[in-house]
Every structure is written in structure tokens, then in C-alpha cells.
PDB file of N, CA and C in Angstrom:
ATOM      1  N   UNK A   1     200.497 218.951  45.312  1.00  0.00           N
ATOM      2  CA  UNK A   1     199.263 219.247  46.023  1.00  0.00           C
ATOM      3  C   UNK A   1     199.070 220.756  46.082  1.00  0.00           C
ATOM      4  N   UNK A   2     197.873 221.193  45.811  1.00  0.00           N
ATOM      5  CA  UNK A   2     197.530 222.602  45.942  1.00  0.00           C
ATOM      6  C   UNK A   2     196.429 222.709  46.985  1.00  0.00           C
ATOM      7  N   UNK A   3     196.729 223.356  48.064  1.00  0.00           N
ATOM      8  CA  UNK A   3     195.751 223.532  49.135  1.00  0.00           C
ATOM      9  C   UNK A   3     195.103 224.900  49.005  1.00  0.00           C
ATOM     10  N   UNK A   4     193.798 224.979  49.198  1.00  0.00           N
ATOM     11  CA  UNK A   4     193.136 226.285  49.124  1.00  0.00           C
ATOM     12  C   UNK A   4     193.574 227.182  50.272  1.00  0.00           C
ATOM     13  N   UNK A   5     193.541 228.477  50.025  1.00  0.00           N
ATOM     14  CA  UNK A   5     193.908 229.426  51.063  1.00  0.00           C
ATOM     15  C   UNK A   5     192.890 229.386  52.199  1.00  0.00           C
ATOM     16  N   UNK A   6     191.631 229.415  51.866  1.00  0.00           N
ATOM     17  CA  UNK A   6     190.540 229.252  52.836  1.00  0.00           C
ATOM     18  C   UNK A   6     189.556 228.271  52.256  1.00  0.00           C
ATOM     19  N   UNK A   7     189.054 227.410  53.100  1.00  0.00           N
ATOM     20  CA  UNK A   7     188.026 226.478  52.645  1.00  0.00           C
ATOM     21  C   UNK A   7     186.981 226.394  53.737  1.00  0.00           C
ATOM     22  N   UNK A   8     185.755 226.635  53.374  1.00  0.00           N
ATOM     23  CA  UNK A   8     184.692 226.670  54.360  1.00  0.00           C
ATOM     24  C   UNK A   8     183.493 225.861  53.901  1.00  0.00           C
ATOM     25  N   UNK A   9     182.638 225.589  54.849  1.00  0.00           N
ATOM     26  CA  UNK A   9     181.356 224.973  54.518  1.00  0.00           C
ATOM     27  C   UNK A   9     180.301 225.600  55.403  1.00  0.00           C
ATOM     28  N   UNK A  10     179.057 225.359  55.042  1.00  0.00           N
ATOM     29  CA  UNK A  10     177.923 225.893  55.788  1.00  0.00           C
ATOM     30  C   UNK A  10     177.037 224.735  56.203  1.00  0.00           C
ATOM     31  N   UNK A  11     176.652 224.723  57.471  1.00  0.00           N
ATOM     32  CA  UNK A  11     175.791 223.654  57.959  1.00  0.00           C
ATOM     33  C   UNK A  11     174.983 224.138  59.154  1.00  0.00           C
ATOM     34  N   UNK A  12     173.690 223.826  59.175  1.00  0.00           N
ATOM     35  CA  UNK A  12     172.902 224.133  60.369  1.00  0.00           C
ATOM     36  C   UNK A  12     173.346 223.274  61.560  1.00  0.00           C
ATOM     37  N   UNK A  13     174.166 222.261  61.293  1.00  0.00           N
ATOM     38  CA  UNK A  13     174.704 221.390  62.351  1.00  0.00           C
ATOM     39  C   UNK A  13     176.177 221.720  62.632  1.00  0.00           C
ATOM     40  N   UNK A  14     176.534 222.968  62.459  1.00  0.00           N
ATOM     41  CA  UNK A  14     177.931 223.394  62.575  1.00  0.00           C
ATOM     42  C   UNK A  14     178.568 222.984  63.896  1.00  0.00           C
ATOM     43  N   UNK A  15     177.897 223.219  64.994  1.00  0.00           N
ATOM     44  CA  UNK A  15     178.480 222.932  66.301  1.00  0.00           C
ATOM     45  C   UNK A  15     178.805 221.445  66.447  1.00  0.00           C
ATOM     46  N   UNK A  16     177.871 220.594  66.050  1.00  0.00           N
ATOM     47  CA  UNK A  16     178.103 219.154  66.125  1.00  0.00           C
ATOM     48  C   UNK A  16     179.231 218.714  65.211  1.00  0.00           C
ATOM     49  N   UNK A  17     179.281 219.279  64.012  1.00  0.00           N
ATOM     50  CA  UNK A  17     180.345 218.934  63.074  1.00  0.00           C
ATOM     51  C   UNK A  17     181.697 219.384  63.613  1.00  0.00           C
ATOM     52  N   UNK A  18     181.742 220.578  64.171  1.00  0.00           N
ATOM     53  CA  UNK A  18     182.995 221.085  64.740  1.00  0.00           C
ATOM     54  C   UNK A  18     183.488 220.154  65.848  1.00  0.00           C
ATOM     55  N   UNK A  19     182.587 219.746  66.735  1.00  0.00           N
ATOM     56  CA  UNK A  19     182.955 218.832  67.819  1.00  0.00           C
ATOM     57  C   UNK A  19     183.407 217.483  67.280  1.00  0.00           C
ATOM     58  N   UNK A  20     182.687 216.965  66.283  1.00  0.00           N
ATOM     59  CA  UNK A  20     183.026 215.673  65.697  1.00  0.00           C
ATOM     60  C   UNK A  20     184.411 215.713  65.059  1.00  0.00           C
ATOM     61  N   UNK A  21     184.673 216.735  64.262  1.00  0.00           N
ATOM     62  CA  UNK A  21     185.978 216.842  63.621  1.00  0.00           C
ATOM     63  C   UNK A  21     187.080 217.007  64.676  1.00  0.00           C
ATOM     64  N   UNK A  22     186.810 217.826  65.679  1.00  0.00           N
ATOM     65  CA  UNK A  22     187.785 218.024  66.742  1.00  0.00           C
ATOM     66  C   UNK A  22     188.120 216.741  67.476  1.00  0.00           C
ATOM     67  N   UNK A  23     187.111 215.887  67.671  1.00  0.00           N
ATOM     68  CA  UNK A  23     187.351 214.618  68.360  1.00  0.00           C
ATOM     69  C   UNK A  23     188.201 213.667  67.530  1.00  0.00           C
ATOM     70  N   UNK A  24     188.347 213.978  66.238  1.00  0.00           N
ATOM     71  CA  UNK A  24     189.185 213.180  65.342  1.00  0.00           C
ATOM     72  C   UNK A  24     190.469 213.928  64.956  1.00  0.00           C
ATOM     73  N   UNK A  25     190.810 214.951  65.735  1.00  0.00           N
ATOM     74  CA  UNK A  25     192.072 215.655  65.526  1.00  0.00           C
ATOM     75  C   UNK A  25     192.063 216.710  64.440  1.00  0.00           C
ATOM     76  N   UNK A  26     190.890 217.111  63.975  1.00  0.00           N
ATOM     77  CA  UNK A  26     190.790 218.124  62.911  1.00  0.00           C
ATOM     78  C   UNK A  26     190.309 219.432  63.531  1.00  0.00           C
ATOM     79  N   UNK A  27     191.178 220.425  63.518  1.00  0.00           N
ATOM     80  CA  UNK A  27     190.807 221.722  64.072  1.00  0.00           C
ATOM     81  C   UNK A  27     190.045 222.545  63.035  1.00  0.00           C
ATOM     82  N   UNK A  28     188.995 223.201  63.492  1.00  0.00           N
ATOM     83  CA  UNK A  28     188.193 224.079  62.640  1.00  0.00           C
ATOM     84  C   UNK A  28     187.992 225.395  63.384  1.00  0.00           C
ATOM     85  N   UNK A  29     187.379 226.334  62.698  1.00  0.00           N
ATOM     86  CA  UNK A  29     187.090 227.621  63.319  1.00  0.00           C
ATOM     87  C   UNK A  29     185.774 228.150  62.775  1.00  0.00           C
ATOM     88  N   UNK A  30     184.928 228.614  63.673  1.00  0.00           N
ATOM     89  CA  UNK A  30     183.672 229.221  63.240  1.00  0.00           C
ATOM     90  C   UNK A  30     183.973 230.530  62.530  1.00  0.00           C
ATOM     91  N   UNK A  31     183.140 230.845  61.557  1.00  0.00           N
ATOM     92  CA  UNK A  31     183.307 232.107  60.844  1.00  0.00           C
ATOM     93  C   UNK A  31     182.939 233.268  61.764  1.00  0.00           C
ATOM     94  N   UNK A  32     183.345 234.450  61.356  1.00  0.00           N
ATOM     95  CA  UNK A  32     183.112 235.636  62.164  1.00  0.00           C
ATOM     96  C   UNK A  32     181.626 235.912  62.342  1.00  0.00           C
ATOM     97  N   UNK A  33     181.329 236.555  63.477  1.00  0.00           N
ATOM     98  CA  UNK A  33     179.956 237.021  63.680  1.00  0.00           C
ATOM     99  C   UNK A  33     179.604 237.986  62.556  1.00  0.00           C
ATOM    100  N   UNK A  34     178.350 237.972  62.119  1.00  0.00           N
ATOM    101  CA  UNK A  34     177.981 238.886  61.036  1.00  0.00           C
ATOM    102  C   UNK A  34     178.122 240.353  61.466  1.00  0.00           C
ATOM    103  N   UNK A  35     178.656 241.155  60.576  1.00  0.00           N
ATOM    104  CA  UNK A  35     178.849 242.572  60.877  1.00  0.00           C
ATOM    105  C   UNK A  35     177.551 243.242  61.323  1.00  0.00           C
ATOM    106  N   UNK A  36     176.407 242.967  60.680  1.00  0.00           N
ATOM    107  CA  UNK A  36     175.181 243.652  61.109  1.00  0.00           C
ATOM    108  C   UNK A  36     174.776 243.350  62.549  1.00  0.00           C
ATOM    109  N   UNK A  37     175.309 242.295  63.150  1.00  0.00           N
ATOM    110  CA  UNK A  37     174.932 241.971  64.522  1.00  0.00           C
ATOM    111  C   UNK A  37     175.882 242.580  65.547  1.00  0.00           C
ATOM    112  N   UNK A  38     176.917 243.253  65.109  1.00  0.00           N
ATOM    113  CA  UNK A  38     177.885 243.820  66.039  1.00  0.00           C
ATOM    114  C   UNK A  38     177.410 245.180  66.534  1.00  0.00           C
ATOM    115  N   UNK A  39     177.694 245.432  67.797  1.00  0.00           N
ATOM    116  CA  UNK A  39     177.156 246.632  68.458  1.00  0.00           C
ATOM    117  C   UNK A  39     177.610 247.943  67.821  1.00  0.00           C
ATOM    118  N   UNK A  40     178.713 247.929  67.115  1.00  0.00           N
ATOM    119  CA  UNK A  40     179.192 249.152  66.479  1.00  0.00           C
ATOM    120  C   UNK A  40     178.274 249.597  65.326  1.00  0.00           C
ATOM    121  N   UNK A  41     177.436 248.686  64.861  1.00  0.00           N
ATOM    122  CA  UNK A  41     176.508 248.986  63.768  1.00  0.00           C
ATOM    123  C   UNK A  41     175.067 248.863  64.243  1.00  0.00           C
ATOM    124  N   UNK A  42     174.625 249.731  65.123  1.00  0.00           N
ATOM    125  CA  UNK A  42     173.262 249.623  65.640  1.00  0.00           C
ATOM    126  C   UNK A  42     172.223 249.862  64.540  1.00  0.00           C
ATOM    127  N   UNK A  43     171.150 249.140  64.631  1.00  0.00           N
ATOM    128  CA  UNK A  43     170.043 249.345  63.714  1.00  0.00           C
ATOM    129  C   UNK A  43     170.097 248.532  62.443  1.00  0.00           C
ATOM    130  N   UNK A  44     171.178 247.831  62.179  1.00  0.00           N
ATOM    131  CA  UNK A  44     171.238 247.027  60.954  1.00  0.00           C
ATOM    132  C   UNK A  44     170.385 245.768  61.081  1.00  0.00           C
ATOM    133  N   UNK A  45     170.376 245.198  62.258  1.00  0.00           N
ATOM    134  CA  UNK A  45     169.490 244.081  62.562  1.00  0.00           C
ATOM    135  C   UNK A  45     169.542 242.930  61.588  1.00  0.00           C
ATOM    136  N   UNK A  46     168.365 242.470  61.201  1.00  0.00           N
ATOM    137  CA  UNK A  46     168.210 241.256  60.390  1.00  0.00           C
ATOM    138  C   UNK A  46     168.100 241.540  58.899  1.00  0.00           C
ATOM    139  N   UNK A  47     168.495 242.720  58.459  1.00  0.00           N
ATOM    140  CA  UNK A  47     168.347 243.071  57.050  1.00  0.00           C
ATOM    141  C   UNK A  47     169.351 242.384  56.135  1.00  0.00           C
ATOM    142  N   UNK A  48     170.199 241.544  56.689  1.00  0.00           N
ATOM    143  CA  UNK A  48     171.255 240.898  55.911  1.00  0.00           C
ATOM    144  C   UNK A  48     171.250 239.394  56.171  1.00  0.00           C
ATOM    145  N   UNK A  49     170.280 238.686  55.597  1.00  0.00           N
ATOM    146  CA  UNK A  49     170.134 237.260  55.909  1.00  0.00           C
ATOM    147  C   UNK A  49     171.334 236.405  55.519  1.00  0.00           C
ATOM    148  N   UNK A  50     172.022 236.749  54.450  1.00  0.00           N
ATOM    149  CA  UNK A  50     173.191 235.960  54.045  1.00  0.00           C
ATOM    150  C   UNK A  50     174.309 236.124  55.069  1.00  0.00           C
ATOM    151  N   UNK A  51     174.537 237.340  55.517  1.00  0.00           N
ATOM    152  CA  UNK A  51     175.565 237.576  56.536  1.00  0.00           C
ATOM    153  C   UNK A  51     175.254 236.789  57.803  1.00  0.00           C
ATOM    154  N   UNK A  52     173.995 236.745  58.185  1.00  0.00           N
ATOM    155  CA  UNK A  52     173.607 236.008  59.386  1.00  0.00           C
ATOM    156  C   UNK A  52     173.771 234.500  59.182  1.00  0.00           C
ATOM    157  N   UNK A  53     173.472 234.019  57.996  1.00  0.00           N
ATOM    158  CA  UNK A  53     173.656 232.589  57.729  1.00  0.00           C
ATOM    159  C   UNK A  53     175.142 232.220  57.807  1.00  0.00           C
ATOM    160  N   UNK A  54     175.979 233.041  57.218  1.00  0.00           N
ATOM    161  CA  UNK A  54     177.421 232.789  57.272  1.00  0.00           C
ATOM    162  C   UNK A  54     177.879 232.768  58.734  1.00  0.00           C
ATOM    163  N   UNK A  55     177.429 233.731  59.523  1.00  0.00           N
ATOM    164  CA  UNK A  55     177.831 233.803  60.923  1.00  0.00           C
ATOM    165  C   UNK A  55     177.317 232.656  61.764  1.00  0.00           C
ATOM    166  N   UNK A  56     176.171 232.109  61.416  1.00  0.00           N
ATOM    167  CA  UNK A  56     175.558 231.042  62.206  1.00  0.00           C
ATOM    168  C   UNK A  56     175.931 229.642  61.727  1.00  0.00           C
ATOM    169  N   UNK A  57     176.214 229.489  60.437  1.00  0.00           N
ATOM    170  CA  UNK A  57     176.437 228.154  59.882  1.00  0.00           C
ATOM    171  C   UNK A  57     177.821 227.951  59.281  1.00  0.00           C
ATOM    172  N   UNK A  58     178.609 229.005  59.167  1.00  0.00           N
ATOM    173  CA  UNK A  58     179.902 228.904  58.499  1.00  0.00           C
ATOM    174  C   UNK A  58     180.978 228.301  59.383  1.00  0.00           C
ATOM    175  N   UNK A  59     181.762 227.405  58.800  1.00  0.00           N
ATOM    176  CA  UNK A  59     182.854 226.748  59.505  1.00  0.00           C
ATOM    177  C   UNK A  59     184.066 226.688  58.589  1.00  0.00           C
ATOM    178  N   UNK A  60     185.190 227.225  59.066  1.00  0.00           N
ATOM    179  CA  UNK A  60     186.425 227.135  58.304  1.00  0.00           C
ATOM    180  C   UNK A  60     187.094 225.805  58.577  1.00  0.00           C
ATOM    181  N   UNK A  61     187.499 225.155  57.525  1.00  0.00           N
ATOM    182  CA  UNK A  61     188.206 223.887  57.607  1.00  0.00           C
ATOM    183  C   UNK A  61     189.710 224.143  57.511  1.00  0.00           C
ATOM    184  N   UNK A  62     190.522 223.155  57.884  1.00  0.00           N
ATOM    185  CA  UNK A  62     191.965 223.348  57.761  1.00  0.00           C
ATOM    186  C   UNK A  62     192.355 223.703  56.328  1.00  0.00           C
ATOM    187  N   UNK A  63     193.223 224.674  56.211  1.00  0.00           N
ATOM    188  CA  UNK A  63     193.744 225.057  54.900  1.00  0.00           C
ATOM    189  C   UNK A  63     195.088 225.727  55.121  1.00  0.00           C
ATOM    190  N   UNK A  64     196.113 225.046  54.708  1.00  0.00           N
ATOM    191  CA  UNK A  64     197.460 225.580  54.796  1.00  0.00           C
ATOM    192  C   UNK A  64     198.310 224.887  53.752  1.00  0.00           C
ATOM    193  N   UNK A  65     199.398 225.495  53.383  1.00  0.00           N
ATOM    194  CA  UNK A  65     200.161 225.002  52.237  1.00  0.00           C
ATOM    195  C   UNK A  65     200.753 223.615  52.453  1.00  0.00           C
ATOM    196  N   UNK A  66     200.949 223.199  53.698  1.00  0.00           N
ATOM    197  CA  UNK A  66     201.515 221.881  53.956  1.00  0.00           C
ATOM    198  C   UNK A  66     200.460 220.773  53.996  1.00  0.00           C
ATOM    199  N   UNK A  67     199.206 221.113  53.837  1.00  0.00           N
ATOM    200  CA  UNK A  67     198.130 220.124  53.864  1.00  0.00           C
ATOM    201  C   UNK A  67     198.263 219.203  52.652  1.00  0.00           C
ATOM    202  N   UNK A  68     198.388 217.914  52.897  1.00  0.00           N
ATOM    203  CA  UNK A  68     198.593 216.986  51.787  1.00  0.00           C
ATOM    204  C   UNK A  68     197.281 216.318  51.372  1.00  0.00           C
ATOM    205  N   UNK A  69     197.296 215.664  50.233  1.00  0.00           N
ATOM    206  CA  UNK A  69     196.104 215.025  49.685  1.00  0.00           C
ATOM    207  C   UNK A  69     195.492 214.026  50.661  1.00  0.00           C
ATOM    208  N   UNK A  70     196.328 213.245  51.347  1.00  0.00           N
ATOM    209  CA  UNK A  70     195.808 212.263  52.308  1.00  0.00           C
ATOM    210  C   UNK A  70     195.061 212.945  53.451  1.00  0.00           C
ATOM    211  N   UNK A  71     195.562 214.076  53.905  1.00  0.00           N
ATOM    212  CA  UNK A  71     194.884 214.807  54.972  1.00  0.00           C
ATOM    213  C   UNK A  71     193.560 215.384  54.485  1.00  0.00           C
ATOM    214  N   UNK A  72     193.563 215.892  53.284  1.00  0.00           N
ATOM    215  CA  UNK A  72     192.324 216.425  52.711  1.00  0.00           C
ATOM    216  C   UNK A  72     191.295 215.314  52.581  1.00  0.00           C
ATOM    217  N   UNK A  73     191.711 214.158  52.105  1.00  0.00           N
ATOM    218  CA  UNK A  73     190.799 213.021  51.970  1.00  0.00           C
ATOM    219  C   UNK A  73     190.275 212.576  53.331  1.00  0.00           C
ATOM    220  N   UNK A  74     191.131 212.576  54.341  1.00  0.00           N
ATOM    221  CA  UNK A  74     190.726 212.210  55.703  1.00  0.00           C
ATOM    222  C   UNK A  74     189.625 213.146  56.199  1.00  0.00           C
ATOM    223  N   UNK A  75     189.816 214.438  56.013  1.00  0.00           N
ATOM    224  CA  UNK A  75     188.820 215.424  56.443  1.00  0.00           C
ATOM    225  C   UNK A  75     187.511 215.229  55.680  1.00  0.00           C
ATOM    226  N   UNK A  76     187.596 215.028  54.380  1.00  0.00           N
ATOM    227  CA  UNK A  76     186.390 214.811  53.560  1.00  0.00           C
ATOM    228  C   UNK A  76     185.642 213.561  54.011  1.00  0.00           C
ATOM    229  N   UNK A  77     186.387 212.501  54.292  1.00  0.00           N
ATOM    230  CA  UNK A  77     185.753 211.267  54.751  1.00  0.00           C
ATOM    231  C   UNK A  77     185.048 211.471  56.091  1.00  0.00           C
ATOM    232  N   UNK A  78     185.685 212.203  56.997  1.00  0.00           N
ATOM    233  CA  UNK A  78     185.055 212.483  58.287  1.00  0.00           C
ATOM    234  C   UNK A  78     183.758 213.280  58.113  1.00  0.00           C
ATOM    235  N   UNK A  79     183.780 214.267  57.247  1.00  0.00           N
ATOM    236  CA  UNK A  79     182.575 215.076  57.010  1.00  0.00           C
ATOM    237  C   UNK A  79     181.461 214.195  56.452  1.00  0.00           C
ATOM    238  N   UNK A  80     181.796 213.322  55.537  1.00  0.00           N
ATOM    239  CA  UNK A  80     180.799 212.392  54.993  1.00  0.00           C
ATOM    240  C   UNK A  80     180.257 211.480  56.089  1.00  0.00           C
ATOM    241  N   UNK A  81     181.126 210.982  56.934  1.00  0.00           N
ATOM    242  CA  UNK A  81     180.695 210.123  58.042  1.00  0.00           C
ATOM    243  C   UNK A  81     179.741 210.869  58.961  1.00  0.00           C
ATOM    244  N   UNK A  82     180.053 212.106  59.272  1.00  0.00           N
ATOM    245  CA  UNK A  82     179.204 212.902  60.166  1.00  0.00           C
ATOM    246  C   UNK A  82     177.798 213.047  59.587  1.00  0.00           C
ATOM    247  N   UNK A  83     177.706 213.351  58.295  1.00  0.00           N
ATOM    248  CA  UNK A  83     176.401 213.600  57.696  1.00  0.00           C
ATOM    249  C   UNK A  83     175.630 212.330  57.349  1.00  0.00           C
ATOM    250  N   UNK A  84     176.279 211.182  57.442  1.00  0.00           N
ATOM    251  CA  UNK A  84     175.560 209.925  57.250  1.00  0.00           C
ATOM    252  C   UNK A  84     174.657 209.625  58.426  1.00  0.00           C
ATOM    253  N   UNK A  85     175.022 210.105  59.601  1.00  0.00           N
ATOM    254  CA  UNK A  85     174.228 209.826  60.814  1.00  0.00           C
ATOM    255  C   UNK A  85     172.980 210.652  60.878  1.00  0.00           C
TER     256      UNK A  85
END
């Protein structure tokens, strides 16, 4: 099994997906706030739509070297179940 170092997805329903996965024992993490929105960079504002999309919709999924194929399939199945609703 080869597990990716980082694996992420983007969804406008990120919060609901994060809660759904968490309720099934799958820990996730929201991606970092976009750099242009941080106070140390005043004036950058909305000039970076991709950065803002990543910050608002990005979700990191489990990724570690011990992650086995069955666990990956379980996570994929849960994501499919979430988006079927």
C-alpha cells in the first residue's frame, strides 16, 4: 500500500462533510486560512480567488504511511455516501 503524503478535496459543503466523516471515526482538518486574508498582509483582499477557495472549501483527509487499502476504501465510500444525499 502506498499512502499519499497529503490528500485533500474541495467542497462547498466542507463543514457538513467534515462533521459526517467525524461521526464515522474519520478525522479531517480544514486547510489553512488563505494568506491574503491574514492581518499581516493588509490590502491583499480578494485579489486571490484560488487562495480563498482553498481556504473556504479545502479539507485534508487522513494520510499517513500506516493507512491501509481497506481504510482508504472506507473513507472513499463515506465520501460517496455523503454526496449521494
